[in-house]
Amino acid sequence: MASQAPQPLGQAEPRDSHADAFAFRDDGPDPELLALPDPPKKERRLTMALLFLTALVAMAMAASLARDARYAVSAPERPTELADLRTIATSTFTHNSFVCAHGVLGAANAIRFERPFESDSYRLSAVAGREDVWVEVRVPAGAESARYVPPSSFCGRLMRMDASGLRHRGLSSAVEQATGKAVPAGAWLLVDGDDPEHSRWAVALVALFAAFALWNAVALVRLARPVRG
């Protein structure tokens, strides 16, 4: 059996070259790291500003759709029956409620408008004999003509015109621009066919915008946090 030859005294043992490669330096900062360029501060500030701006826009969109989302989740499934719109007192109205009513619409000061990506048109008319209650009805494509007769019974969303939300913003100014007559302050709007089920799209959009704003806020905080070595 062969035995290992003894090492002469005073001779250093052979060292592994790989161990030297992974040896930790303890003599100060690495000059190669110090030679690297500084992080791009201008691009970082631009990214933070963009995240802040998009978070604000998302929060604003969520706030503008809050009334529609509240109507979709809080309105009852069955509408409240109202009396004739020509004689009923507006003090009995409840903002953002689901109602059914009947009445005759007047032709004076009525306007017609359209919405993007929809083939149907819309008519906004005041109830005959009064100027503080207006009804919006949807007119199917091809039915708009001089012989068109608006319905006399309606079921939909009842709200104040000056707090009608994003989809109906600007109706008062549109009436004044088209007819030269201003809509009285505190006027009410009944949107025929706008039941709570058809407004659930607003709930999904509010949740989407809120999540997007939260994501941008978290990313902004992470970028603003100082980097620790």
C-alpha atoms as a PDB file:
ATOM      1  CA  MET A   1       0.000   0.000   0.000  1.00  0.00           C
ATOM      2  CA  ALA A   2       1.534   3.272  -1.102  1.00  0.00           C
ATOM      3  CA  SER A   3       1.793   6.058   1.422  1.00  0.00           C
ATOM      4  CA  GLN A   4       1.608   9.789   0.725  1.00  0.00           C
ATOM      5  CA  ALA A   5       4.991  11.472   0.635  1.00  0.00           C
ATOM      6  CA  PRO A   6       5.442  13.936   3.483  1.00  0.00           C
ATOM      7  CA  GLN A   7       5.527  17.612   2.607  1.00  0.00           C
ATOM      8  CA  PRO A   8       8.862  19.343   3.249  1.00  0.00           C
ATOM      9  CA  LEU A   9       8.813  21.803   6.112  1.00  0.00           C
ATOM     10  CA  GLY A  10       8.493  25.419   5.071  1.00  0.00           C
ATOM     11  CA  GLN A  11       6.884  24.645   1.698  1.00  0.00           C
ATOM     12  CA  ALA A  12       3.406  26.206   1.173  1.00  0.00           C
ATOM     13  CA  GLU A  13       0.518  23.943   0.364  1.00  0.00           C
ATOM     14  CA  PRO A  14      -0.879  24.274  -3.170  1.00  0.00           C
ATOM     15  CA  ARG A  15      -3.960  26.630  -3.317  1.00  0.00           C
ATOM     16  CA  ASP A  16      -7.009  26.214  -5.425  1.00  0.00           C
ATOM     17  CA  SER A  17      -7.121  28.886  -8.139  1.00  0.00           C
ATOM     18  CA  HIS A  18     -10.946  28.730  -8.172  1.00  0.00           C
ATOM     19  CA  ALA A  19     -11.068  29.619  -4.491  1.00  0.00           C
ATOM     20  CA  ASP A  20      -9.042  32.734  -5.226  1.00  0.00           C
ATOM     21  CA  ALA A  21     -11.522  33.733  -7.919  1.00  0.00           C
ATOM     22  CA  PHE A  22     -14.432  33.641  -5.451  1.00  0.00           C
ATOM     23  CA  ALA A  23     -12.591  35.182  -2.533  1.00  0.00           C
ATOM     24  CA  PHE A  24     -14.342  38.212  -1.081  1.00  0.00           C
ATOM     25  CA  ARG A  25     -12.475  41.483  -1.198  1.00  0.00           C
ATOM     26  CA  ASP A  26     -12.404  43.344   2.073  1.00  0.00           C
ATOM     27  CA  ASP A  27     -10.241  46.231   1.060  1.00  0.00           C
ATOM     28  CA  GLY A  28     -12.941  48.843   0.200  1.00  0.00           C
ATOM     29  CA  PRO A  29     -15.304  49.547  -2.705  1.00  0.00           C
ATOM     30  CA  ASP A  30     -14.806  47.760  -5.958  1.00  0.00           C
ATOM     31  CA  PRO A  31     -13.238  50.212  -8.450  1.00  0.00           C
ATOM     32  CA  GLU A  32     -15.141  48.585 -11.312  1.00  0.00           C
ATOM     33  CA  LEU A  33     -18.447  49.362  -9.609  1.00  0.00           C
ATOM     34  CA  LEU A  34     -17.353  52.909  -8.947  1.00  0.00           C
ATOM     35  CA  ALA A  35     -16.515  53.316 -12.629  1.00  0.00           C
ATOM     36  CA  LEU A  36     -20.106  52.517 -13.672  1.00  0.00           C
ATOM     37  CA  PRO A  37     -22.218  55.545 -14.757  1.00  0.00           C
ATOM     38  CA  ASP A  38     -24.805  57.020 -12.371  1.00  0.00           C
ATOM     39  CA  PRO A  39     -28.451  55.985 -12.748  1.00  0.00           C
ATOM     40  CA  PRO A  40     -30.388  58.099 -15.293  1.00  0.00           C
ATOM     41  CA  LYS A  41     -32.078  60.663 -13.013  1.00  0.00           C
ATOM     42  CA  LYS A  42     -33.905  62.476 -15.809  1.00  0.00           C
ATOM     43  CA  GLU A  43     -35.602  59.316 -17.092  1.00  0.00           C
ATOM     44  CA  ARG A  44     -36.463  58.321 -13.512  1.00  0.00           C
ATOM     45  CA  ARG A  45     -38.151  61.651 -12.831  1.00  0.00           C
ATOM     46  CA  LEU A  46     -40.037  61.425 -16.119  1.00  0.00           C
ATOM     47  CA  THR A  47     -41.296  57.942 -15.217  1.00  0.00           C
ATOM     48  CA  MET A  48     -42.417  59.126 -11.779  1.00  0.00           C
ATOM     49  CA  ALA A  49     -44.249  62.103 -13.284  1.00  0.00           C
ATOM     50  CA  LEU A  50     -46.002  59.854 -15.801  1.00  0.00           C
ATOM     51  CA  LEU A  51     -47.068  57.423 -13.066  1.00  0.00           C
ATOM     52  CA  PHE A  52     -48.404  60.306 -10.969  1.00  0.00           C
ATOM     53  CA  LEU A  53     -50.333  61.777 -13.898  1.00  0.00           C
ATOM     54  CA  THR A  54     -51.897  58.478 -14.946  1.00  0.00           C
ATOM     55  CA  ALA A  55     -52.885  57.744 -11.342  1.00  0.00           C
ATOM     56  CA  LEU A  56     -54.667  61.119 -11.144  1.00  0.00           C
ATOM     57  CA  VAL A  57     -56.471  60.517 -14.450  1.00  0.00           C
ATOM     58  CA  ALA A  58     -57.583  57.046 -13.347  1.00  0.00           C
ATOM     59  CA  MET A  59     -58.903  58.429 -10.044  1.00  0.00           C
ATOM     60  CA  ALA A  60     -60.755  61.196 -11.885  1.00  0.00           C
ATOM     61  CA  MET A  61     -62.395  58.691 -14.243  1.00  0.00           C
ATOM     62  CA  ALA A  62     -63.425  56.484 -11.328  1.00  0.00           C
ATOM     63  CA  ALA A  63     -64.941  59.502  -9.552  1.00  0.00           C
ATOM     64  CA  SER A  64     -66.844  60.591 -12.677  1.00  0.00           C
ATOM     65  CA  LEU A  65     -68.442  57.129 -12.954  1.00  0.00           C
ATOM     66  CA  ALA A  66     -69.184  56.798  -9.244  1.00  0.00           C
ATOM     67  CA  ARG A  67     -72.822  57.959  -9.626  1.00  0.00           C
ATOM     68  CA  ASP A  68     -73.501  55.387 -12.342  1.00  0.00           C
ATOM     69  CA  ALA A  69     -71.899  52.618 -10.289  1.00  0.00           C
ATOM     70  CA  ARG A  70     -73.861  53.648  -7.188  1.00  0.00           C
ATOM     71  CA  TYR A  71     -77.095  53.517  -9.161  1.00  0.00           C
ATOM     72  CA  ALA A  72     -76.267  50.032 -10.464  1.00  0.00           C
ATOM     73  CA  VAL A  73     -75.652  48.570  -6.991  1.00  0.00           C
ATOM     74  CA  SER A  74     -78.075  50.545  -4.822  1.00  0.00           C
ATOM     75  CA  ALA A  75     -81.236  50.940  -6.912  1.00  0.00           C
ATOM     76  CA  PRO A  76     -83.971  48.346  -6.266  1.00  0.00           C
ATOM     77  CA  GLU A  77     -84.838  45.765  -8.886  1.00  0.00           C
ATOM     78  CA  ARG A  78     -88.450  46.971  -9.084  1.00  0.00           C
ATOM     79  CA  PRO A  79     -89.087  50.598 -10.073  1.00  0.00           C
ATOM     80  CA  THR A  80     -91.041  53.083  -7.996  1.00  0.00           C
ATOM     81  CA  GLU A  81     -94.348  54.044  -9.610  1.00  0.00           C
ATOM     82  CA  LEU A  82     -94.814  57.783 -10.029  1.00  0.00           C
ATOM     83  CA  ALA A  83     -97.886  59.808 -10.941  1.00  0.00           C
ATOM     84  CA  ASP A  84     -98.398  61.819 -14.106  1.00  0.00           C
ATOM     85  CA  LEU A  85     -95.244  63.799 -14.827  1.00  0.00           C
ATOM     86  CA  ARG A  86     -97.346  66.806 -15.879  1.00  0.00           C
ATOM     87  CA  THR A  87     -98.728  67.301 -12.362  1.00  0.00           C
ATOM     88  CA  ILE A  88     -96.401  65.554  -9.919  1.00  0.00           C
ATOM     89  CA  ALA A  89     -94.366  67.722  -7.551  1.00  0.00           C
ATOM     90  CA  THR A  90     -90.607  67.439  -7.926  1.00  0.00           C
ATOM     91  CA  SER A  91     -90.281  67.466  -4.115  1.00  0.00           C
ATOM     92  CA  THR A  92     -91.303  63.795  -4.200  1.00  0.00           C
ATOM     93  CA  PHE A  93     -88.432  62.872  -6.538  1.00  0.00           C
ATOM     94  CA  THR A  94     -85.366  60.981  -5.333  1.00  0.00           C
ATOM     95  CA  HIS A  95     -82.061  61.522  -7.069  1.00  0.00           C
ATOM     96  CA  ASN A  96     -80.497  58.492  -8.773  1.00  0.00           C
ATOM     97  CA  SER A  97     -83.597  56.306  -8.417  1.00  0.00           C
ATOM     98  CA  PHE A  98     -85.288  53.714 -10.616  1.00  0.00           C
ATOM     99  CA  VAL A  99     -88.844  54.831 -11.469  1.00  0.00           C
ATOM    100  CA  CYS A 100     -91.734  54.351 -13.867  1.00  0.00           C
ATOM    101  CA  ALA A 101     -93.966  57.239 -14.896  1.00  0.00           C
ATOM    102  CA  HIS A 102     -96.172  58.492 -17.691  1.00  0.00           C
ATOM    103  CA  GLY A 103     -96.788  61.826 -19.338  1.00  0.00           C
ATOM    104  CA  VAL A 104     -96.912  63.700 -22.620  1.00  0.00           C
ATOM    105  CA  LEU A 105     -93.693  65.122 -23.986  1.00  0.00           C
ATOM    106  CA  GLY A 106     -93.692  68.553 -25.552  1.00  0.00           C
ATOM    107  CA  ALA A 107     -92.170  69.323 -28.934  1.00  0.00           C
ATOM    108  CA  ALA A 108     -90.887  72.778 -27.977  1.00  0.00           C
ATOM    109  CA  ASN A 109     -87.189  72.980 -27.027  1.00  0.00           C
ATOM    110  CA  ALA A 110     -86.686  69.280 -27.805  1.00  0.00           C
ATOM    111  CA  ILE A 111     -83.310  68.254 -29.200  1.00  0.00           C
ATOM    112  CA  ARG A 112     -81.977  65.192 -30.993  1.00  0.00           C
ATOM    113  CA  PHE A 113     -78.453  63.862 -30.475  1.00  0.00           C
ATOM    114  CA  GLU A 114     -76.341  60.799 -31.154  1.00  0.00           C
ATOM    115  CA  ARG A 115     -73.566  58.950 -29.354  1.00  0.00           C
ATOM    116  CA  PRO A 116     -70.408  57.468 -30.880  1.00  0.00           C
ATOM    117  CA  PHE A 117     -70.486  53.790 -31.884  1.00  0.00           C
ATOM    118  CA  GLU A 118     -74.301  53.627 -31.593  1.00  0.00           C
ATOM    119  CA  SER A 119     -76.712  53.450 -34.521  1.00  0.00           C
ATOM    120  CA  ASP A 120     -79.722  54.643 -32.521  1.00  0.00           C
ATOM    121  CA  SER A 121     -80.384  58.298 -31.797  1.00  0.00           C
ATOM    122  CA  TYR A 122     -81.768  60.033 -28.704  1.00  0.00           C
ATOM    123  CA  ARG A 123     -84.405  62.686 -28.061  1.00  0.00           C
ATOM    124  CA  LEU A 124     -84.444  64.990 -25.066  1.00  0.00           C
ATOM    125  CA  SER A 125     -87.805  66.661 -24.446  1.00  0.00           C
ATOM    126  CA  ALA A 126     -89.436  68.546 -21.620  1.00  0.00           C
ATOM    127  CA  VAL A 127     -92.724  67.274 -20.249  1.00  0.00           C
ATOM    128  CA  ALA A 128     -95.606  69.176 -21.776  1.00  0.00           C
ATOM    129  CA  GLY A 129     -96.587  72.165 -19.704  1.00  0.00           C
ATOM    130  CA  ARG A 130     -93.442  72.375 -17.593  1.00  0.00           C
ATOM    131  CA  GLU A 131     -89.727  73.116 -17.922  1.00  0.00           C
ATOM    132  CA  ASP A 132     -88.274  71.447 -14.816  1.00  0.00           C
ATOM    133  CA  VAL A 133     -88.815  67.796 -15.848  1.00  0.00           C
ATOM    134  CA  TRP A 134     -87.142  66.346 -18.949  1.00  0.00           C
ATOM    135  CA  VAL A 135     -87.206  62.868 -20.479  1.00  0.00           C
ATOM    136  CA  GLU A 136     -84.591  61.222 -22.673  1.00  0.00           C
ATOM    137  CA  VAL A 137     -85.881  58.492 -24.981  1.00  0.00           C
ATOM    138  CA  ARG A 138     -83.969  56.250 -27.331  1.00  0.00           C
ATOM    139  CA  VAL A 139     -85.098  56.232 -30.953  1.00  0.00           C
ATOM    140  CA  PRO A 140     -84.274  53.051 -32.929  1.00  0.00           C
ATOM    141  CA  ALA A 141     -82.257  53.470 -36.079  1.00  0.00           C
ATOM    142  CA  GLY A 142     -84.503  54.325 -39.022  1.00  0.00           C
ATOM    143  CA  ALA A 143     -87.452  55.358 -36.847  1.00  0.00           C
ATOM    144  CA  GLU A 144     -86.450  59.023 -36.639  1.00  0.00           C
ATOM    145  CA  SER A 145     -88.732  60.963 -38.999  1.00  0.00           C
ATOM    146  CA  ALA A 146     -91.309  63.732 -39.054  1.00  0.00           C
ATOM    147  CA  ARG A 147     -93.980  61.155 -38.203  1.00  0.00           C
ATOM    148  CA  TYR A 148     -92.197  59.848 -35.113  1.00  0.00           C
ATOM    149  CA  VAL A 149     -94.378  59.933 -32.007  1.00  0.00           C
ATOM    150  CA  PRO A 150     -92.525  59.697 -28.665  1.00  0.00           C
ATOM    151  CA  PRO A 151     -93.827  57.265 -26.039  1.00  0.00           C
ATOM    152  CA  SER A 152     -95.982  58.400 -23.154  1.00  0.00           C
ATOM    153  CA  SER A 153     -94.832  55.904 -20.521  1.00  0.00           C
ATOM    154  CA  PHE A 154     -91.281  55.601 -19.270  1.00  0.00           C
ATOM    155  CA  CYS A 155     -89.192  53.422 -16.965  1.00  0.00           C
ATOM    156  CA  GLY A 156     -85.638  54.335 -16.139  1.00  0.00           C
ATOM    157  CA  ARG A 157     -83.259  56.397 -14.084  1.00  0.00           C
ATOM    158  CA  LEU A 158     -84.416  59.636 -12.469  1.00  0.00           C
ATOM    159  CA  MET A 159     -81.752  62.181 -11.515  1.00  0.00           C
ATOM    160  CA  ARG A 160     -80.992  65.860 -11.374  1.00  0.00           C
ATOM    161  CA  MET A 161     -79.793  67.122 -14.716  1.00  0.00           C
ATOM    162  CA  ASP A 162     -76.899  69.087 -13.225  1.00  0.00           C
ATOM    163  CA  ALA A 163     -75.650  65.911 -11.474  1.00  0.00           C
ATOM    164  CA  SER A 164     -76.365  63.405 -14.215  1.00  0.00           C
ATOM    165  CA  GLY A 165     -72.857  62.004 -14.578  1.00  0.00           C
ATOM    166  CA  LEU A 166     -70.434  61.568 -17.438  1.00  0.00           C
ATOM    167  CA  ARG A 167     -72.788  60.193 -20.124  1.00  0.00           C
ATOM    168  CA  HIS A 168     -75.260  63.081 -19.786  1.00  0.00           C
ATOM    169  CA  ARG A 169     -72.893  65.900 -19.023  1.00  0.00           C
ATOM    170  CA  GLY A 170     -73.505  68.966 -21.140  1.00  0.00           C
ATOM    171  CA  LEU A 171     -77.182  68.329 -21.926  1.00  0.00           C
ATOM    172  CA  SER A 172     -78.290  71.639 -20.421  1.00  0.00           C
ATOM    173  CA  SER A 173     -75.791  73.611 -22.479  1.00  0.00           C
ATOM    174  CA  ALA A 174     -76.780  71.621 -25.600  1.00  0.00           C
ATOM    175  CA  VAL A 175     -80.444  72.585 -25.108  1.00  0.00           C
ATOM    176  CA  GLU A 176     -79.531  76.233 -24.637  1.00  0.00           C
ATOM    177  CA  GLN A 177     -77.265  76.199 -27.680  1.00  0.00           C
ATOM    178  CA  ALA A 178     -79.871  74.537 -29.925  1.00  0.00           C
ATOM    179  CA  THR A 179     -83.000  76.363 -28.754  1.00  0.00           C
ATOM    180  CA  GLY A 180     -81.695  79.570 -27.222  1.00  0.00           C
ATOM    181  CA  LYS A 181     -83.554  78.823 -24.000  1.00  0.00           C
ATOM    182  CA  ALA A 182     -81.774  77.807 -20.812  1.00  0.00           C
ATOM    183  CA  VAL A 183     -82.817  74.800 -18.732  1.00  0.00           C
ATOM    184  CA  PRO A 184     -83.950  75.947 -15.268  1.00  0.00           C
ATOM    185  CA  ALA A 185     -81.609  75.253 -12.381  1.00  0.00           C
ATOM    186  CA  GLY A 186     -82.568  72.115 -10.469  1.00  0.00           C
ATOM    187  CA  ALA A 187     -84.325  70.492 -13.440  1.00  0.00           C
ATOM    188  CA  TRP A 188     -84.849  66.733 -13.366  1.00  0.00           C
ATOM    189  CA  LEU A 189     -84.004  64.155 -16.037  1.00  0.00           C
ATOM    190  CA  LEU A 190     -85.668  60.773 -16.569  1.00  0.00           C
ATOM    191  CA  VAL A 191     -83.618  58.475 -18.830  1.00  0.00           C
ATOM    192  CA  ASP A 192     -86.021  55.957 -20.323  1.00  0.00           C
ATOM    193  CA  GLY A 193     -84.663  52.388 -20.479  1.00  0.00           C
ATOM    194  CA  ASP A 194     -81.741  53.026 -18.113  1.00  0.00           C
ATOM    195  CA  ASP A 195     -82.363  50.338 -15.496  1.00  0.00           C
ATOM    196  CA  PRO A 196     -79.781  49.248 -12.888  1.00  0.00           C
ATOM    197  CA  GLU A 197     -78.889  46.084 -14.787  1.00  0.00           C
ATOM    198  CA  HIS A 198     -77.804  48.068 -17.842  1.00  0.00           C
ATOM    199  CA  SER A 199     -75.581  50.284 -15.669  1.00  0.00           C
ATOM    200  CA  ARG A 200     -73.387  47.515 -14.290  1.00  0.00           C
ATOM    201  CA  TRP A 201     -70.712  48.377 -16.830  1.00  0.00           C
ATOM    202  CA  ALA A 202     -69.942  51.378 -14.631  1.00  0.00           C
ATOM    203  CA  VAL A 203     -69.118  49.124 -11.665  1.00  0.00           C
ATOM    204  CA  ALA A 204     -66.556  47.212 -13.724  1.00  0.00           C
ATOM    205  CA  LEU A 205     -64.991  50.417 -15.045  1.00  0.00           C
ATOM    206  CA  VAL A 206     -64.752  51.979 -11.582  1.00  0.00           C
ATOM    207  CA  ALA A 207     -63.018  48.855 -10.271  1.00  0.00           C
ATOM    208  CA  LEU A 208     -60.650  48.847 -13.257  1.00  0.00           C
ATOM    209  CA  PHE A 209     -59.706  52.524 -12.886  1.00  0.00           C
ATOM    210  CA  ALA A 210     -59.271  52.160  -9.122  1.00  0.00           C
ATOM    211  CA  ALA A 211     -56.974  49.161  -9.552  1.00  0.00           C
ATOM    212  CA  PHE A 212     -54.950  51.005 -12.188  1.00  0.00           C
ATOM    213  CA  ALA A 213     -54.576  54.043  -9.908  1.00  0.00           C
ATOM    214  CA  LEU A 214     -53.470  51.813  -7.018  1.00  0.00           C
ATOM    215  CA  TRP A 215     -50.913  50.030  -9.189  1.00  0.00           C
ATOM    216  CA  ASN A 216     -49.441  53.349 -10.323  1.00  0.00           C
ATOM    217  CA  ALA A 217     -49.321  54.623  -6.733  1.00  0.00           C
ATOM    218  CA  VAL A 218     -47.442  51.525  -5.547  1.00  0.00           C
ATOM    219  CA  ALA A 219     -44.979  51.780  -8.437  1.00  0.00           C
ATOM    220  CA  LEU A 220     -44.459  55.480  -7.667  1.00  0.00           C
ATOM    221  CA  VAL A 221     -43.680  54.759  -4.013  1.00  0.00           C
ATOM    222  CA  ARG A 222     -41.162  52.095  -4.992  1.00  0.00           C
ATOM    223  CA  LEU A 223     -39.394  54.444  -7.376  1.00  0.00           C
ATOM    224  CA  ALA A 224     -39.327  57.264  -4.840  1.00  0.00           C
ATOM    225  CA  ARG A 225     -37.884  55.050  -2.121  1.00  0.00           C
ATOM    226  CA  PRO A 226     -34.086  55.496  -1.776  1.00  0.00           C
ATOM    227  CA  VAL A 227     -31.978  52.519  -2.792  1.00  0.00           C
ATOM    228  CA  ARG A 228     -30.090  50.932   0.088  1.00  0.00           C
ATOM    229  CA  GLY A 229     -26.728  49.402  -0.521  1.00  0.00           C
END
